[in-house]
């Protein structure tokens, strides 16, 4: 729980909510997204460049000691989950046609 501006506790976002936020930003950039919920594994956001189906990635949202972060599937941080625009910019750049 985190305090909001009224001084009362507000629930923190869930992993799925962070992934959904990122998905909305990526769709605005022309990418296709699908939230995947595999049994026994963490949810992830499957992202696809519709112009080149080989350009695809699974993005994770994980909480650490320094807050929530978006992660590449190869265990490298993308951006803090609080900065969804920066995360979407990086994902869109990596999945862009060159």
PDB file of N, CA and C in Angstrom:
ATOM      1  N   UNK A   1       0.831  -1.185   0.000  1.00  0.00           N
ATOM      2  CA  UNK A   1       0.000   0.000   0.000  1.00  0.00           C
ATOM      3  C   UNK A   1       0.877   1.250   0.000  1.00  0.00           C
ATOM      4  N   UNK A   2       0.433   2.225  -0.729  1.00  0.00           N
ATOM      5  CA  UNK A   2       1.146   3.499  -0.768  1.00  0.00           C
ATOM      6  C   UNK A   2       0.173   4.619  -0.444  1.00  0.00           C
ATOM      7  N   UNK A   3       0.619   5.640   0.251  1.00  0.00           N
ATOM      8  CA  UNK A   3      -0.299   6.736   0.562  1.00  0.00           C
ATOM      9  C   UNK A   3      -0.625   7.537  -0.684  1.00  0.00           C
ATOM     10  N   UNK A   4      -1.873   7.932  -0.778  1.00  0.00           N
ATOM     11  CA  UNK A   4      -2.233   8.815  -1.885  1.00  0.00           C
ATOM     12  C   UNK A   4      -2.279  10.249  -1.369  1.00  0.00           C
ATOM     13  N   UNK A   5      -2.724  11.171  -2.197  1.00  0.00           N
ATOM     14  CA  UNK A   5      -2.674  12.573  -1.808  1.00  0.00           C
ATOM     15  C   UNK A   5      -3.681  12.949  -0.712  1.00  0.00           C
ATOM     16  N   UNK A   6      -4.580  12.050  -0.348  1.00  0.00           N
ATOM     17  CA  UNK A   6      -5.522  12.337   0.732  1.00  0.00           C
ATOM     18  C   UNK A   6      -5.020  11.807   2.067  1.00  0.00           C
ATOM     19  N   UNK A   7      -3.874  11.142   2.059  1.00  0.00           N
ATOM     20  CA  UNK A   7      -3.323  10.603   3.288  1.00  0.00           C
ATOM     21  C   UNK A   7      -3.810   9.204   3.612  1.00  0.00           C
ATOM     22  N   UNK A   8      -4.694   8.648   2.795  1.00  0.00           N
ATOM     23  CA  UNK A   8      -5.158   7.287   3.019  1.00  0.00           C
ATOM     24  C   UNK A   8      -4.348   6.332   2.158  1.00  0.00           C
ATOM     25  N   UNK A   9      -4.364   5.077   2.513  1.00  0.00           N
ATOM     26  CA  UNK A   9      -3.596   4.085   1.768  1.00  0.00           C
ATOM     27  C   UNK A   9      -4.332   3.700   0.491  1.00  0.00           C
ATOM     28  N   UNK A  10      -3.591   3.610  -0.588  1.00  0.00           N
ATOM     29  CA  UNK A  10      -4.144   3.179  -1.865  1.00  0.00           C
ATOM     30  C   UNK A  10      -3.432   1.897  -2.269  1.00  0.00           C
ATOM     31  N   UNK A  11      -4.151   0.940  -2.843  1.00  0.00           N
ATOM     32  CA  UNK A  11      -3.492  -0.308  -3.232  1.00  0.00           C
ATOM     33  C   UNK A  11      -2.476  -0.073  -4.346  1.00  0.00           C
ATOM     34  N   UNK A  12      -1.366  -0.788  -4.285  1.00  0.00           N
ATOM     35  CA  UNK A  12      -0.379  -0.682  -5.350  1.00  0.00           C
ATOM     36  C   UNK A  12      -0.871  -1.465  -6.564  1.00  0.00           C
ATOM     37  N   UNK A  13      -0.310  -1.157  -7.701  1.00  0.00           N
ATOM     38  CA  UNK A  13      -0.710  -1.832  -8.929  1.00  0.00           C
ATOM     39  C   UNK A  13      -0.200  -3.265  -8.930  1.00  0.00           C
ATOM     40  N   UNK A  14      -0.863  -4.094  -9.686  1.00  0.00           N
ATOM     41  CA  UNK A  14      -0.434  -5.481  -9.838  1.00  0.00           C
ATOM     42  C   UNK A  14       0.437  -5.610 -11.087  1.00  0.00           C
ATOM     43  N   UNK A  15       1.122  -6.720 -11.176  1.00  0.00           N
ATOM     44  CA  UNK A  15       1.947  -7.023 -12.347  1.00  0.00           C
ATOM     45  C   UNK A  15       1.115  -6.932 -13.622  1.00  0.00           C
ATOM     46  N   UNK A  16      -0.087  -7.475 -13.590  1.00  0.00           N
ATOM     47  CA  UNK A  16      -0.942  -7.473 -14.779  1.00  0.00           C
ATOM     48  C   UNK A  16      -1.341  -6.047 -15.148  1.00  0.00           C
ATOM     49  N   UNK A  17      -1.635  -5.217 -14.167  1.00  0.00           N
ATOM     50  CA  UNK A  17      -1.994  -3.827 -14.463  1.00  0.00           C
ATOM     51  C   UNK A  17      -0.837  -3.083 -15.120  1.00  0.00           C
ATOM     52  N   UNK A  18       0.386  -3.313 -14.645  1.00  0.00           N
ATOM     53  CA  UNK A  18       1.543  -2.680 -15.278  1.00  0.00           C
ATOM     54  C   UNK A  18       1.688  -3.157 -16.726  1.00  0.00           C
ATOM     55  N   UNK A  19       1.526  -4.447 -16.956  1.00  0.00           N
ATOM     56  CA  UNK A  19       1.646  -4.969 -18.316  1.00  0.00           C
ATOM     57  C   UNK A  19       0.543  -4.426 -19.218  1.00  0.00           C
ATOM     58  N   UNK A  20      -0.667  -4.295 -18.688  1.00  0.00           N
ATOM     59  CA  UNK A  20      -1.765  -3.735 -19.477  1.00  0.00           C
ATOM     60  C   UNK A  20      -1.484  -2.281 -19.848  1.00  0.00           C
ATOM     61  N   UNK A  21      -0.940  -1.510 -18.923  1.00  0.00           N
ATOM     62  CA  UNK A  21      -0.583  -0.112 -19.222  1.00  0.00           C
ATOM     63  C   UNK A  21       0.440  -0.037 -20.349  1.00  0.00           C
ATOM     64  N   UNK A  22       1.462  -0.866 -20.257  1.00  0.00           N
ATOM     65  CA  UNK A  22       2.473  -0.882 -21.306  1.00  0.00           C
ATOM     66  C   UNK A  22       1.860  -1.312 -22.629  1.00  0.00           C
ATOM     67  N   UNK A  23       1.002  -2.300 -22.587  1.00  0.00           N
ATOM     68  CA  UNK A  23       0.339  -2.766 -23.798  1.00  0.00           C
ATOM     69  C   UNK A  23      -0.445  -1.664 -24.490  1.00  0.00           C
ATOM     70  N   UNK A  24      -1.152  -0.851 -23.712  1.00  0.00           N
ATOM     71  CA  UNK A  24      -1.912   0.266 -24.293  1.00  0.00           C
ATOM     72  C   UNK A  24      -0.981   1.246 -25.001  1.00  0.00           C
ATOM     73  N   UNK A  25       0.153   1.529 -24.397  1.00  0.00           N
ATOM     74  CA  UNK A  25       1.119   2.450 -25.016  1.00  0.00           C
ATOM     75  C   UNK A  25       1.705   1.862 -26.298  1.00  0.00           C
ATOM     76  N   UNK A  26       1.966   0.575 -26.302  1.00  0.00           N
ATOM     77  CA  UNK A  26       2.553  -0.062 -27.479  1.00  0.00           C
ATOM     78  C   UNK A  26       1.561  -0.138 -28.642  1.00  0.00           C
ATOM     79  N   UNK A  27       0.299  -0.353 -28.330  1.00  0.00           N
ATOM     80  CA  UNK A  27      -0.734  -0.373 -29.377  1.00  0.00           C
ATOM     81  C   UNK A  27      -0.806   0.996 -30.050  1.00  0.00           C
ATOM     82  N   UNK A  28      -0.663   2.066 -29.285  1.00  0.00           N
ATOM     83  CA  UNK A  28      -0.651   3.428 -29.856  1.00  0.00           C
ATOM     84  C   UNK A  28       0.495   3.607 -30.846  1.00  0.00           C
ATOM     85  N   UNK A  29       1.554   2.824 -30.676  1.00  0.00           N
ATOM     86  CA  UNK A  29       2.729   2.915 -31.559  1.00  0.00           C
ATOM     87  C   UNK A  29       2.651   1.929 -32.721  1.00  0.00           C
ATOM     88  N   UNK A  30       1.508   1.264 -32.869  1.00  0.00           N
ATOM     89  CA  UNK A  30       1.300   0.379 -34.008  1.00  0.00           C
ATOM     90  C   UNK A  30       1.704  -1.072 -33.790  1.00  0.00           C
ATOM     91  N   UNK A  31       2.080  -1.434 -32.586  1.00  0.00           N
ATOM     92  CA  UNK A  31       2.454  -2.819 -32.304  1.00  0.00           C
ATOM     93  C   UNK A  31       1.235  -3.605 -31.834  1.00  0.00           C
ATOM     94  N   UNK A  32       1.289  -4.909 -31.970  1.00  0.00           N
ATOM     95  CA  UNK A  32       0.227  -5.785 -31.462  1.00  0.00           C
ATOM     96  C   UNK A  32       0.696  -6.393 -30.155  1.00  0.00           C
ATOM     97  N   UNK A  33      -0.233  -6.519 -29.219  1.00  0.00           N
ATOM     98  CA  UNK A  33       0.121  -7.070 -27.908  1.00  0.00           C
ATOM     99  C   UNK A  33      -0.898  -8.118 -27.480  1.00  0.00           C
ATOM    100  N   UNK A  34      -0.436  -9.029 -26.638  1.00  0.00           N
ATOM    101  CA  UNK A  34      -1.309 -10.046 -26.053  1.00  0.00           C
ATOM    102  C   UNK A  34      -0.775 -10.360 -24.661  1.00  0.00           C
ATOM    103  N   UNK A  35      -1.617 -10.248 -23.664  1.00  0.00           N
ATOM    104  CA  UNK A  35      -1.236 -10.599 -22.306  1.00  0.00           C
ATOM    105  C   UNK A  35      -1.292 -12.114 -22.183  1.00  0.00           C
ATOM    106  N   UNK A  36      -0.200 -12.724 -21.764  1.00  0.00           N
ATOM    107  CA  UNK A  36      -0.171 -14.178 -21.613  1.00  0.00           C
ATOM    108  C   UNK A  36      -0.109 -14.520 -20.128  1.00  0.00           C
ATOM    109  N   UNK A  37      -0.882 -15.527 -19.746  1.00  0.00           N
ATOM    110  CA  UNK A  37      -0.971 -15.959 -18.351  1.00  0.00           C
ATOM    111  C   UNK A  37      -0.693 -17.460 -18.254  1.00  0.00           C
ATOM    112  N   UNK A  38       0.560 -17.870 -18.467  1.00  0.00           N
ATOM    113  CA  UNK A  38       0.881 -19.298 -18.437  1.00  0.00           C
ATOM    114  C   UNK A  38       0.788 -19.860 -17.015  1.00  0.00           C
ATOM    115  N   UNK A  39       0.320 -21.083 -16.906  1.00  0.00           N
ATOM    116  CA  UNK A  39       0.228 -21.725 -15.588  1.00  0.00           C
ATOM    117  C   UNK A  39       1.605 -21.899 -14.981  1.00  0.00           C
ATOM    118  N   UNK A  40       1.715 -21.544 -13.718  1.00  0.00           N
ATOM    119  CA  UNK A  40       2.957 -21.754 -12.995  1.00  0.00           C
ATOM    120  C   UNK A  40       4.070 -20.787 -13.347  1.00  0.00           C
ATOM    121  N   UNK A  41       3.785 -19.785 -14.172  1.00  0.00           N
ATOM    122  CA  UNK A  41       4.793 -18.801 -14.570  1.00  0.00           C
ATOM    123  C   UNK A  41       4.219 -17.402 -14.427  1.00  0.00           C
ATOM    124  N   UNK A  42       5.098 -16.414 -14.426  1.00  0.00           N
ATOM    125  CA  UNK A  42       4.657 -15.027 -14.339  1.00  0.00           C
ATOM    126  C   UNK A  42       3.960 -14.602 -15.620  1.00  0.00           C
ATOM    127  N   UNK A  43       2.955 -13.737 -15.512  1.00  0.00           N
ATOM    128  CA  UNK A  43       2.331 -13.182 -16.718  1.00  0.00           C
ATOM    129  C   UNK A  43       3.360 -12.388 -17.514  1.00  0.00           C
ATOM    130  N   UNK A  44       3.147 -12.296 -18.804  1.00  0.00           N
ATOM    131  CA  UNK A  44       4.021 -11.491 -19.647  1.00  0.00           C
ATOM    132  C   UNK A  44       3.191 -10.846 -20.745  1.00  0.00           C
ATOM    133  N   UNK A  45       3.787  -9.872 -21.384  1.00  0.00           N
ATOM    134  CA  UNK A  45       3.149  -9.177 -22.491  1.00  0.00           C
ATOM    135  C   UNK A  45       3.879  -9.587 -23.761  1.00  0.00           C
ATOM    136  N   UNK A  46       3.181 -10.287 -24.631  1.00  0.00           N
ATOM    137  CA  UNK A  46       3.751 -10.688 -25.916  1.00  0.00           C
ATOM    138  C   UNK A  46       3.541  -9.536 -26.888  1.00  0.00           C
ATOM    139  N   UNK A  47       4.636  -9.030 -27.459  1.00  0.00           N
ATOM    140  CA  UNK A  47       4.584  -7.863 -28.340  1.00  0.00           C
ATOM    141  C   UNK A  47       5.073  -8.272 -29.718  1.00  0.00           C
ATOM    142  N   UNK A  48       4.351  -7.852 -30.752  1.00  0.00           N
ATOM    143  CA  UNK A  48       4.654  -8.237 -32.128  1.00  0.00           C
ATOM    144  C   UNK A  48       4.602  -7.011 -33.033  1.00  0.00           C
ATOM    145  N   UNK A  49       5.591  -6.904 -33.911  1.00  0.00           N
ATOM    146  CA  UNK A  49       5.562  -5.889 -34.961  1.00  0.00           C
ATOM    147  C   UNK A  49       4.750  -6.489 -36.109  1.00  0.00           C
ATOM    148  N   UNK A  50       3.556  -5.946 -36.414  1.00  0.00           N
ATOM    149  CA  UNK A  50       2.723  -6.544 -37.464  1.00  0.00           C
ATOM    150  C   UNK A  50       3.330  -6.446 -38.855  1.00  0.00           C
ATOM    151  N   UNK A  51       4.299  -5.577 -39.037  1.00  0.00           N
ATOM    152  CA  UNK A  51       4.954  -5.447 -40.331  1.00  0.00           C
ATOM    153  C   UNK A  51       6.085  -6.439 -40.534  1.00  0.00           C
ATOM    154  N   UNK A  52       6.482  -7.108 -39.465  1.00  0.00           N
ATOM    155  CA  UNK A  52       7.567  -8.094 -39.527  1.00  0.00           C
ATOM    156  C   UNK A  52       7.376  -9.055 -38.360  1.00  0.00           C
ATOM    157  N   UNK A  53       6.653 -10.125 -38.613  1.00  0.00           N
ATOM    158  CA  UNK A  53       6.263 -11.027 -37.518  1.00  0.00           C
ATOM    159  C   UNK A  53       7.439 -11.684 -36.803  1.00  0.00           C
ATOM    160  N   UNK A  54       8.627 -11.616 -37.372  1.00  0.00           N
ATOM    161  CA  UNK A  54       9.808 -12.152 -36.686  1.00  0.00           C
ATOM    162  C   UNK A  54      10.252 -11.233 -35.553  1.00  0.00           C
ATOM    163  N   UNK A  55       9.810  -9.968 -35.600  1.00  0.00           N
ATOM    164  CA  UNK A  55      10.168  -9.012 -34.558  1.00  0.00           C
ATOM    165  C   UNK A  55       9.130  -9.101 -33.445  1.00  0.00           C
ATOM    166  N   UNK A  56       9.459  -9.898 -32.432  1.00  0.00           N
ATOM    167  CA  UNK A  56       8.542 -10.175 -31.333  1.00  0.00           C
ATOM    168  C   UNK A  56       9.321 -10.279 -30.029  1.00  0.00           C
ATOM    169  N   UNK A  57       8.656 -10.024 -28.940  1.00  0.00           N
ATOM    170  CA  UNK A  57       9.314 -10.075 -27.632  1.00  0.00           C
ATOM    171  C   UNK A  57       8.274 -10.301 -26.542  1.00  0.00           C
ATOM    172  N   UNK A  58       8.708 -10.930 -25.459  1.00  0.00           N
ATOM    173  CA  UNK A  58       7.883 -11.086 -24.270  1.00  0.00           C
ATOM    174  C   UNK A  58       8.447 -10.187 -23.183  1.00  0.00           C
ATOM    175  N   UNK A  59       7.611  -9.292 -22.684  1.00  0.00           N
ATOM    176  CA  UNK A  59       8.010  -8.321 -21.666  1.00  0.00           C
ATOM    177  C   UNK A  59       7.437  -8.749 -20.321  1.00  0.00           C
ATOM    178  N   UNK A  60       8.245  -8.609 -19.284  1.00  0.00           N
ATOM    179  CA  UNK A  60       7.821  -8.939 -17.925  1.00  0.00           C
ATOM    180  C   UNK A  60       7.743  -7.680 -17.085  1.00  0.00           C
ATOM    181  N   UNK A  61       6.982  -7.738 -16.005  1.00  0.00           N
ATOM    182  CA  UNK A  61       6.952  -6.683 -14.995  1.00  0.00           C
ATOM    183  C   UNK A  61       7.285  -7.364 -13.666  1.00  0.00           C
ATOM    184  N   UNK A  62       8.341  -6.884 -13.026  1.00  0.00           N
ATOM    185  CA  UNK A  62       8.800  -7.495 -11.777  1.00  0.00           C
ATOM    186  C   UNK A  62       9.069  -6.421 -10.738  1.00  0.00           C
ATOM    187  N   UNK A  63       8.771  -6.757  -9.489  1.00  0.00           N
ATOM    188  CA  UNK A  63       9.019  -5.831  -8.390  1.00  0.00           C
ATOM    189  C   UNK A  63      10.304  -6.215  -7.684  1.00  0.00           C
ATOM    190  N   UNK A  64      11.164  -5.227  -7.474  1.00  0.00           N
ATOM    191  CA  UNK A  64      12.410  -5.424  -6.747  1.00  0.00           C
ATOM    192  C   UNK A  64      12.481  -4.467  -5.574  1.00  0.00           C
ATOM    193  N   UNK A  65      13.621  -4.426  -4.939  1.00  0.00           N
ATOM    194  CA  UNK A  65      13.812  -3.541  -3.795  1.00  0.00           C
ATOM    195  C   UNK A  65      13.648  -2.072  -4.187  1.00  0.00           C
ATOM    196  N   UNK A  66      13.912  -1.763  -5.451  1.00  0.00           N
ATOM    197  CA  UNK A  66      13.810  -0.374  -5.921  1.00  0.00           C
ATOM    198  C   UNK A  66      12.547  -0.117  -6.739  1.00  0.00           C
ATOM    199  N   UNK A  67      11.525  -0.924  -6.555  1.00  0.00           N
ATOM    200  CA  UNK A  67      10.240  -0.709  -7.215  1.00  0.00           C
ATOM    201  C   UNK A  67       9.991  -1.653  -8.382  1.00  0.00           C
ATOM    202  N   UNK A  68       8.921  -1.361  -9.107  1.00  0.00           N
ATOM    203  CA  UNK A  68       8.531  -2.170 -10.267  1.00  0.00           C
ATOM    204  C   UNK A  68       9.306  -1.741 -11.498  1.00  0.00           C
ATOM    205  N   UNK A  69       9.719  -2.729 -12.300  1.00  0.00           N
ATOM    206  CA  UNK A  69      10.449  -2.495 -13.549  1.00  0.00           C
ATOM    207  C   UNK A  69       9.883  -3.375 -14.651  1.00  0.00           C
ATOM    208  N   UNK A  70       9.986  -2.889 -15.882  1.00  0.00           N
ATOM    209  CA  UNK A  70       9.735  -3.724 -17.062  1.00  0.00           C
ATOM    210  C   UNK A  70      11.057  -4.374 -17.436  1.00  0.00           C
ATOM    211  N   UNK A  71      10.975  -5.638 -17.856  1.00  0.00           N
ATOM    212  CA  UNK A  71      12.166  -6.428 -18.182  1.00  0.00           C
ATOM    213  C   UNK A  71      12.010  -7.095 -19.540  1.00  0.00           C
ATOM    214  N   UNK A  72      13.122  -7.174 -20.274  1.00  0.00           N
ATOM    215  CA  UNK A  72      13.197  -7.998 -21.480  1.00  0.00           C
ATOM    216  C   UNK A  72      13.218  -9.463 -21.060  1.00  0.00           C
ATOM    217  N   UNK A  73      12.901 -10.334 -21.965  1.00  0.00           N
ATOM    218  CA  UNK A  73      12.909 -11.776 -21.662  1.00  0.00           C
ATOM    219  C   UNK A  73      14.318 -12.288 -21.379  1.00  0.00           C
ATOM    220  N   UNK A  74      15.340 -11.555 -21.799  1.00  0.00           N
ATOM    221  CA  UNK A  74      16.723 -11.977 -21.554  1.00  0.00           C
ATOM    222  C   UNK A  74      17.260 -11.395 -20.244  1.00  0.00           C
ATOM    223  N   UNK A  75      16.358 -10.982 -19.346  1.00  0.00           N
ATOM    224  CA  UNK A  75      16.688 -10.532 -17.979  1.00  0.00           C
ATOM    225  C   UNK A  75      17.479  -9.229 -17.937  1.00  0.00           C
ATOM    226  N   UNK A  76      17.108  -8.300 -18.796  1.00  0.00           N
ATOM    227  CA  UNK A  76      17.690  -6.958 -18.776  1.00  0.00           C
ATOM    228  C   UNK A  76      16.557  -5.966 -18.563  1.00  0.00           C
ATOM    229  N   UNK A  77      16.800  -5.000 -17.688  1.00  0.00           N
ATOM    230  CA  UNK A  77      15.775  -3.996 -17.410  1.00  0.00           C
ATOM    231  C   UNK A  77      15.531  -3.107 -18.628  1.00  0.00           C
ATOM    232  N   UNK A  78      14.260  -2.740 -18.796  1.00  0.00           N
ATOM    233  CA  UNK A  78      13.881  -1.805 -19.858  1.00  0.00           C
ATOM    234  C   UNK A  78      13.761  -0.402 -19.271  1.00  0.00           C
ATOM    235  N   UNK A  79      12.871  -0.258 -18.292  1.00  0.00           N
ATOM    236  CA  UNK A  79      12.609   1.038 -17.658  1.00  0.00           C
ATOM    237  C   UNK A  79      11.764   0.800 -16.420  1.00  0.00           C
ATOM    238  N   UNK A  80      11.756   1.773 -15.506  1.00  0.00           N
ATOM    239  CA  UNK A  80      10.861   1.645 -14.350  1.00  0.00           C
ATOM    240  C   UNK A  80       9.404   1.593 -14.827  1.00  0.00           C
ATOM    241  N   UNK A  81       8.591   0.795 -14.180  1.00  0.00           N
ATOM    242  CA  UNK A  81       7.181   0.683 -14.571  1.00  0.00           C
ATOM    243  C   UNK A  81       6.440   2.001 -14.382  1.00  0.00           C
ATOM    244  N   UNK A  82       6.948   2.870 -13.529  1.00  0.00           N
ATOM    245  CA  UNK A  82       6.330   4.183 -13.339  1.00  0.00           C
ATOM    246  C   UNK A  82       6.507   5.071 -14.568  1.00  0.00           C
ATOM    247  N   UNK A  83       7.447   4.730 -15.454  1.00  0.00           N
ATOM    248  CA  UNK A  83       7.699   5.503 -16.670  1.00  0.00           C
ATOM    249  C   UNK A  83       7.315   4.669 -17.892  1.00  0.00           C
ATOM    250  N   UNK A  84       6.025   4.430 -18.031  1.00  0.00           N
ATOM    251  CA  UNK A  84       5.524   3.562 -19.094  1.00  0.00           C
ATOM    252  C   UNK A  84       5.854   4.118 -20.481  1.00  0.00           C
ATOM    253  N   UNK A  85       5.911   5.427 -20.625  1.00  0.00           N
ATOM    254  CA  UNK A  85       6.243   6.026 -21.926  1.00  0.00           C
ATOM    255  C   UNK A  85       7.665   5.674 -22.342  1.00  0.00           C
ATOM    256  N   UNK A  86       8.615   5.786 -21.414  1.00  0.00           N
ATOM    257  CA  UNK A  86      10.007   5.433 -21.729  1.00  0.00           C
ATOM    258  C   UNK A  86      10.124   3.956 -22.077  1.00  0.00           C
ATOM    259  N   UNK A  87       9.413   3.114 -21.345  1.00  0.00           N
ATOM    260  CA  UNK A  87       9.451   1.679 -21.628  1.00  0.00           C
ATOM    261  C   UNK A  87       8.888   1.395 -23.017  1.00  0.00           C
ATOM    262  N   UNK A  88       7.757   1.996 -23.343  1.00  0.00           N
ATOM    263  CA  UNK A  88       7.140   1.782 -24.653  1.00  0.00           C
ATOM    264  C   UNK A  88       8.041   2.290 -25.776  1.00  0.00           C
ATOM    265  N   UNK A  89       8.694   3.418 -25.553  1.00  0.00           N
ATOM    266  CA  UNK A  89       9.621   3.948 -26.564  1.00  0.00           C
ATOM    267  C   UNK A  89      10.746   2.960 -26.847  1.00  0.00           C
ATOM    268  N   UNK A  90      11.322   2.371 -25.791  1.00  0.00           N
ATOM    269  CA  UNK A  90      12.431   1.424 -25.972  1.00  0.00           C
ATOM    270  C   UNK A  90      11.971   0.152 -26.668  1.00  0.00           C
ATOM    271  N   UNK A  91      10.825  -0.372 -26.257  1.00  0.00           N
ATOM    272  CA  UNK A  91      10.313  -1.599 -26.883  1.00  0.00           C
ATOM    273  C   UNK A  91      10.013  -1.343 -28.355  1.00  0.00           C
ATOM    274  N   UNK A  92       9.360  -0.235 -28.651  1.00  0.00           N
ATOM    275  CA  UNK A  92       9.045   0.100 -30.038  1.00  0.00           C
ATOM    276  C   UNK A  92      10.307   0.272 -30.871  1.00  0.00           C
ATOM    277  N   UNK A  93      11.333   0.845 -30.300  1.00  0.00           N
ATOM    278  CA  UNK A  93      12.603   1.027 -31.014  1.00  0.00           C
ATOM    279  C   UNK A  93      13.252  -0.318 -31.330  1.00  0.00           C
ATOM    280  N   UNK A  94      13.282  -1.214 -30.369  1.00  0.00           N
ATOM    281  CA  UNK A  94      13.902  -2.526 -30.570  1.00  0.00           C
ATOM    282  C   UNK A  94      13.129  -3.351 -31.605  1.00  0.00           C
ATOM    283  N   UNK A  95      11.806  -3.225 -31.605  1.00  0.00           N
ATOM    284  CA  UNK A  95      10.995  -4.026 -32.519  1.00  0.00           C
ATOM    285  C   UNK A  95      10.690  -3.330 -33.852  1.00  0.00           C
ATOM    286  N   UNK A  96      11.329  -2.184 -34.084  1.00  0.00           N
ATOM    287  CA  UNK A  96      11.092  -1.426 -35.321  1.00  0.00           C
ATOM    288  C   UNK A  96      11.854  -2.036 -36.483  1.00  0.00           C
ATOM    289  N   UNK A  97      11.298  -1.860 -37.665  1.00  0.00           N
ATOM    290  CA  UNK A  97      12.010  -2.259 -38.878  1.00  0.00           C
ATOM    291  C   UNK A  97      13.142  -1.278 -39.119  1.00  0.00           C
ATOM    292  N   UNK A  98      14.275  -1.775 -39.521  1.00  0.00           N
ATOM    293  CA  UNK A  98      15.432  -0.912 -39.756  1.00  0.00           C
ATOM    294  C   UNK A  98      15.562  -0.611 -41.235  1.00  0.00           C
TER     295      UNK A  98
END
